[in-house]
Amino acid sequence: MAAEGGGKEMNEIKSQFSTREGAYKLLTHSEYSRPNRVPFNSQGSNPVRVSFVNVNDQSGNGERICFNVGRELYFYIYKSVRKVSALSACYSHRA
């Protein structure tokens, strides 16, 4: 893992790390979806930050979309839209 040092690859995705906000840990699906899971913060809604990341991946699926909700980090494989939408084709719904 890159956190262990010793000249490991810097672009490796870590399964756990610590920041000043707290500790992040990769959870398995069964661990995360427990029905008795206590919510982290029950006071209002947390801001959501979205990031698009490119990782050098051997399988060709190097694009990731990351959601940071409070202290939780979610990332998914993202296959970007290859076809550019026509932004000049604006539709007006006014009568």
N, C-alpha and C. Protein backbone atom coordinates (compact mmCIF):
# COMPACT_ATOMS: atom_id res chain seq x y z
N MET A 1 0.84 -1.17 0.00
CA MET A 1 0.00 0.00 0.00
C MET A 1 0.88 1.23 0.00
N ALA A 2 0.41 2.32 -0.59
CA ALA A 2 1.22 3.52 -0.72
C ALA A 2 1.52 4.16 0.63
N ALA A 3 0.67 3.94 1.62
CA ALA A 3 0.89 4.55 2.93
C ALA A 3 2.03 3.89 3.69
N GLU A 4 2.43 2.70 3.26
CA GLU A 4 3.49 1.99 3.96
C GLU A 4 4.87 2.53 3.63
N GLY A 5 4.98 3.32 2.58
CA GLY A 5 6.27 3.87 2.20
C GLY A 5 7.11 2.83 1.48
N GLY A 6 8.39 3.05 1.42
CA GLY A 6 9.29 2.09 0.79
C GLY A 6 9.26 2.16 -0.72
N GLY A 7 8.87 3.30 -1.31
CA GLY A 7 8.93 3.46 -2.76
C GLY A 7 7.80 2.77 -3.50
N LYS A 8 6.69 2.53 -2.88
CA LYS A 8 5.55 1.93 -3.56
C LYS A 8 4.96 2.94 -4.54
N GLU A 9 4.11 2.46 -5.43
CA GLU A 9 3.52 3.33 -6.43
C GLU A 9 2.58 4.35 -5.79
N MET A 10 2.68 5.60 -6.19
CA MET A 10 1.90 6.68 -5.58
C MET A 10 0.44 6.69 -6.03
N ASN A 11 0.11 6.10 -7.18
CA ASN A 11 -1.25 6.16 -7.71
C ASN A 11 -2.11 5.00 -7.23
N GLU A 12 -1.63 4.24 -6.29
CA GLU A 12 -2.39 3.10 -5.78
C GLU A 12 -3.56 3.59 -4.94
N ILE A 13 -4.73 2.96 -5.10
CA ILE A 13 -5.90 3.33 -4.32
C ILE A 13 -5.78 2.70 -2.95
N LYS A 14 -5.88 3.51 -1.92
CA LYS A 14 -5.71 3.04 -0.55
C LYS A 14 -7.03 2.50 -0.02
N SER A 15 -6.96 1.51 0.86
CA SER A 15 -8.17 0.97 1.47
C SER A 15 -8.48 1.63 2.81
N GLN A 16 -7.52 2.33 3.38
CA GLN A 16 -7.78 3.12 4.59
C GLN A 16 -6.71 4.19 4.71
N PHE A 17 -7.13 5.34 5.23
CA PHE A 17 -6.19 6.44 5.45
C PHE A 17 -6.79 7.40 6.45
N SER A 18 -5.96 8.26 7.00
CA SER A 18 -6.40 9.23 8.00
C SER A 18 -6.14 10.64 7.51
N THR A 19 -7.05 11.53 7.84
CA THR A 19 -6.90 12.95 7.56
C THR A 19 -7.21 13.70 8.84
N ARG A 20 -7.13 15.03 8.79
CA ARG A 20 -7.44 15.79 9.99
C ARG A 20 -8.91 15.71 10.35
N GLU A 21 -9.78 15.38 9.36
CA GLU A 21 -11.21 15.25 9.64
C GLU A 21 -11.55 13.92 10.29
N GLY A 22 -10.71 12.91 10.09
CA GLY A 22 -10.98 11.60 10.67
C GLY A 22 -10.34 10.50 9.86
N ALA A 23 -10.73 9.26 10.15
CA ALA A 23 -10.18 8.08 9.48
C ALA A 23 -11.18 7.56 8.46
N TYR A 24 -10.68 7.17 7.30
CA TYR A 24 -11.48 6.59 6.24
C TYR A 24 -11.10 5.13 6.09
N LYS A 25 -12.08 4.26 5.87
CA LYS A 25 -11.82 2.83 5.75
C LYS A 25 -12.74 2.26 4.69
N LEU A 26 -12.19 1.41 3.82
CA LEU A 26 -12.97 0.74 2.79
C LEU A 26 -13.80 -0.36 3.44
N LEU A 27 -15.12 -0.28 3.28
CA LEU A 27 -16.02 -1.27 3.85
C LEU A 27 -16.51 -2.22 2.77
N THR A 28 -16.74 -3.46 3.15
CA THR A 28 -17.36 -4.39 2.22
C THR A 28 -18.83 -4.04 2.11
N HIS A 29 -19.49 -4.53 1.07
CA HIS A 29 -20.90 -4.22 0.86
C HIS A 29 -21.74 -4.72 2.03
N SER A 30 -21.46 -5.92 2.51
CA SER A 30 -22.25 -6.47 3.61
C SER A 30 -22.03 -5.68 4.90
N GLU A 31 -20.82 -5.19 5.10
CA GLU A 31 -20.52 -4.39 6.29
C GLU A 31 -21.21 -3.04 6.23
N TYR A 32 -21.25 -2.44 5.04
CA TYR A 32 -21.84 -1.12 4.90
C TYR A 32 -23.36 -1.15 4.97
N SER A 33 -23.98 -2.19 4.43
CA SER A 33 -25.44 -2.21 4.32
C SER A 33 -26.12 -2.90 5.50
N ARG A 34 -25.46 -2.95 6.64
CA ARG A 34 -26.10 -3.52 7.84
C ARG A 34 -27.33 -2.71 8.20
N PRO A 35 -28.45 -3.36 8.54
CA PRO A 35 -29.65 -2.60 8.89
C PRO A 35 -29.54 -1.86 10.22
N ASN A 36 -28.65 -2.29 11.12
CA ASN A 36 -28.54 -1.64 12.43
C ASN A 36 -27.45 -0.57 12.45
N ARG A 37 -27.02 -0.14 11.29
CA ARG A 37 -25.96 0.85 11.20
C ARG A 37 -26.45 2.20 11.73
N VAL A 38 -25.70 2.79 12.63
CA VAL A 38 -26.06 4.08 13.22
C VAL A 38 -25.60 5.19 12.28
N PRO A 39 -26.48 6.15 11.98
CA PRO A 39 -26.05 7.24 11.10
C PRO A 39 -24.97 8.08 11.76
N PHE A 40 -24.03 8.54 10.95
CA PHE A 40 -22.90 9.31 11.48
C PHE A 40 -23.37 10.63 12.08
N ASN A 41 -24.19 11.34 11.33
CA ASN A 41 -24.61 12.66 11.78
C ASN A 41 -26.10 12.81 11.50
N SER A 42 -26.90 12.89 12.53
CA SER A 42 -28.34 12.99 12.34
C SER A 42 -28.81 14.45 12.35
N GLN A 43 -27.90 15.39 12.40
CA GLN A 43 -28.25 16.81 12.43
C GLN A 43 -28.17 17.39 11.02
N GLY A 44 -29.30 17.53 10.37
CA GLY A 44 -29.32 18.16 9.05
C GLY A 44 -28.59 17.35 8.00
N SER A 45 -28.42 17.95 6.84
CA SER A 45 -27.75 17.25 5.75
C SER A 45 -26.32 17.76 5.58
N ASN A 46 -25.44 16.86 5.21
CA ASN A 46 -24.04 17.20 4.99
C ASN A 46 -23.85 17.65 3.55
N PRO A 47 -22.89 18.55 3.30
CA PRO A 47 -22.61 18.91 1.91
C PRO A 47 -21.97 17.74 1.18
N VAL A 48 -22.26 17.63 -0.10
CA VAL A 48 -21.72 16.55 -0.92
C VAL A 48 -20.72 17.15 -1.90
N ARG A 49 -19.52 16.60 -1.93
CA ARG A 49 -18.51 17.03 -2.89
C ARG A 49 -18.33 15.91 -3.90
N VAL A 50 -18.27 16.27 -5.18
CA VAL A 50 -18.12 15.29 -6.25
C VAL A 50 -16.80 15.55 -6.95
N SER A 51 -16.04 14.48 -7.21
CA SER A 51 -14.77 14.58 -7.92
C SER A 51 -14.72 13.52 -9.00
N PHE A 52 -14.11 13.86 -10.13
CA PHE A 52 -13.85 12.90 -11.19
C PHE A 52 -12.35 12.65 -11.19
N VAL A 53 -11.95 11.38 -11.13
CA VAL A 53 -10.55 11.01 -10.99
C VAL A 53 -10.17 10.04 -12.09
N ASN A 54 -8.97 10.21 -12.65
CA ASN A 54 -8.41 9.27 -13.60
C ASN A 54 -7.30 8.49 -12.92
N VAL A 55 -7.39 7.16 -12.96
CA VAL A 55 -6.40 6.29 -12.34
C VAL A 55 -5.80 5.43 -13.45
N ASN A 56 -4.49 5.26 -13.44
CA ASN A 56 -3.86 4.38 -14.42
C ASN A 56 -4.20 2.94 -14.07
N ASP A 57 -5.19 2.40 -14.77
CA ASP A 57 -5.70 1.07 -14.48
C ASP A 57 -5.40 0.16 -15.67
N GLN A 58 -4.95 -1.05 -15.40
CA GLN A 58 -4.61 -2.00 -16.46
C GLN A 58 -5.84 -2.48 -17.23
N SER A 59 -7.01 -2.48 -16.58
CA SER A 59 -8.22 -2.99 -17.23
C SER A 59 -8.85 -1.97 -18.17
N GLY A 60 -8.38 -0.74 -18.17
CA GLY A 60 -8.94 0.28 -19.03
C GLY A 60 -10.10 1.03 -18.41
N ASN A 61 -10.47 0.69 -17.18
CA ASN A 61 -11.55 1.38 -16.46
C ASN A 61 -10.94 2.34 -15.46
N GLY A 62 -10.20 3.31 -15.92
CA GLY A 62 -9.46 4.19 -15.02
C GLY A 62 -10.23 5.38 -14.51
N GLU A 63 -11.42 5.62 -15.04
CA GLU A 63 -12.17 6.79 -14.60
C GLU A 63 -13.02 6.44 -13.40
N ARG A 64 -12.99 7.30 -12.38
CA ARG A 64 -13.78 7.09 -11.16
C ARG A 64 -14.56 8.36 -10.86
N ILE A 65 -15.72 8.20 -10.28
CA ILE A 65 -16.49 9.32 -9.76
C ILE A 65 -16.53 9.14 -8.25
N CYS A 66 -16.16 10.18 -7.51
CA CYS A 66 -16.06 10.09 -6.06
C CYS A 66 -17.03 11.06 -5.41
N PHE A 67 -17.76 10.58 -4.42
CA PHE A 67 -18.68 11.41 -3.64
C PHE A 67 -18.16 11.46 -2.22
N ASN A 68 -17.99 12.66 -1.69
CA ASN A 68 -17.58 12.84 -0.31
C ASN A 68 -18.77 13.43 0.43
N VAL A 69 -19.40 12.60 1.28
CA VAL A 69 -20.57 13.00 2.06
C VAL A 69 -20.16 13.02 3.52
N GLY A 70 -20.00 14.21 4.08
CA GLY A 70 -19.52 14.30 5.46
C GLY A 70 -18.14 13.69 5.57
N ARG A 71 -18.01 12.63 6.37
CA ARG A 71 -16.73 11.93 6.52
C ARG A 71 -16.68 10.65 5.71
N GLU A 72 -17.69 10.37 4.92
CA GLU A 72 -17.72 9.13 4.15
C GLU A 72 -17.34 9.41 2.71
N LEU A 73 -16.60 8.49 2.11
CA LEU A 73 -16.11 8.62 0.75
C LEU A 73 -16.61 7.44 -0.06
N TYR A 74 -17.31 7.71 -1.16
CA TYR A 74 -17.81 6.67 -2.05
C TYR A 74 -17.17 6.88 -3.41
N PHE A 75 -16.68 5.80 -4.03
CA PHE A 75 -16.19 5.95 -5.39
C PHE A 75 -16.67 4.78 -6.23
N TYR A 76 -16.97 5.10 -7.48
CA TYR A 76 -17.53 4.13 -8.42
C TYR A 76 -16.78 4.24 -9.74
N ILE A 77 -16.75 3.13 -10.48
CA ILE A 77 -16.20 3.16 -11.83
C ILE A 77 -17.13 4.00 -12.68
N TYR A 78 -16.57 4.91 -13.44
CA TYR A 78 -17.35 5.85 -14.23
C TYR A 78 -16.90 5.76 -15.67
N LYS A 79 -17.82 5.52 -16.55
CA LYS A 79 -17.52 5.52 -17.98
C LYS A 79 -18.10 6.80 -18.54
N SER A 80 -17.23 7.74 -18.85
CA SER A 80 -17.68 9.08 -19.25
C SER A 80 -18.47 9.02 -20.54
N VAL A 81 -19.22 10.06 -20.76
CA VAL A 81 -20.00 10.18 -21.97
C VAL A 81 -19.05 10.49 -23.11
N ARG A 82 -19.06 9.67 -24.12
CA ARG A 82 -18.14 9.85 -25.25
C ARG A 82 -18.71 10.81 -26.29
N LYS A 83 -20.02 10.93 -26.36
CA LYS A 83 -20.66 11.77 -27.36
C LYS A 83 -20.99 13.11 -26.71
N VAL A 84 -20.59 14.19 -27.33
CA VAL A 84 -20.84 15.53 -26.80
C VAL A 84 -22.28 15.90 -27.11
N SER A 85 -23.00 16.37 -26.11
CA SER A 85 -24.38 16.78 -26.33
C SER A 85 -24.42 18.13 -27.02
N ALA A 86 -25.48 18.36 -27.77
CA ALA A 86 -25.65 19.61 -28.49
C ALA A 86 -26.20 20.66 -27.54
N LEU A 87 -25.32 21.48 -26.99
CA LEU A 87 -25.75 22.49 -26.03
C LEU A 87 -26.47 23.64 -26.71
N SER A 88 -26.28 23.79 -28.03
CA SER A 88 -26.94 24.88 -28.74
C SER A 88 -28.42 24.57 -28.98
N ALA A 89 -28.82 23.32 -28.85
CA ALA A 89 -30.22 22.94 -29.05
C ALA A 89 -30.96 23.13 -27.74
N CYS A 90 -31.31 24.37 -27.45
CA CYS A 90 -31.99 24.70 -26.21
C CYS A 90 -33.50 24.60 -26.42
N TYR A 91 -34.18 23.97 -25.51
CA TYR A 91 -35.62 23.80 -25.63
C TYR A 91 -36.30 24.74 -24.64
N SER A 92 -37.29 25.46 -25.11
CA SER A 92 -38.05 26.36 -24.25
C SER A 92 -39.42 25.75 -24.01
N HIS A 93 -39.82 25.67 -22.75
CA HIS A 93 -41.11 25.08 -22.40
C HIS A 93 -42.16 26.15 -22.14
N ARG A 94 -41.83 27.39 -22.47
CA ARG A 94 -42.80 28.47 -22.27
C ARG A 94 -43.82 28.47 -23.40
N ALA A 95 -45.06 28.80 -23.07
CA ALA A 95 -46.13 28.82 -24.08
C ALA A 95 -46.17 30.11 -24.84
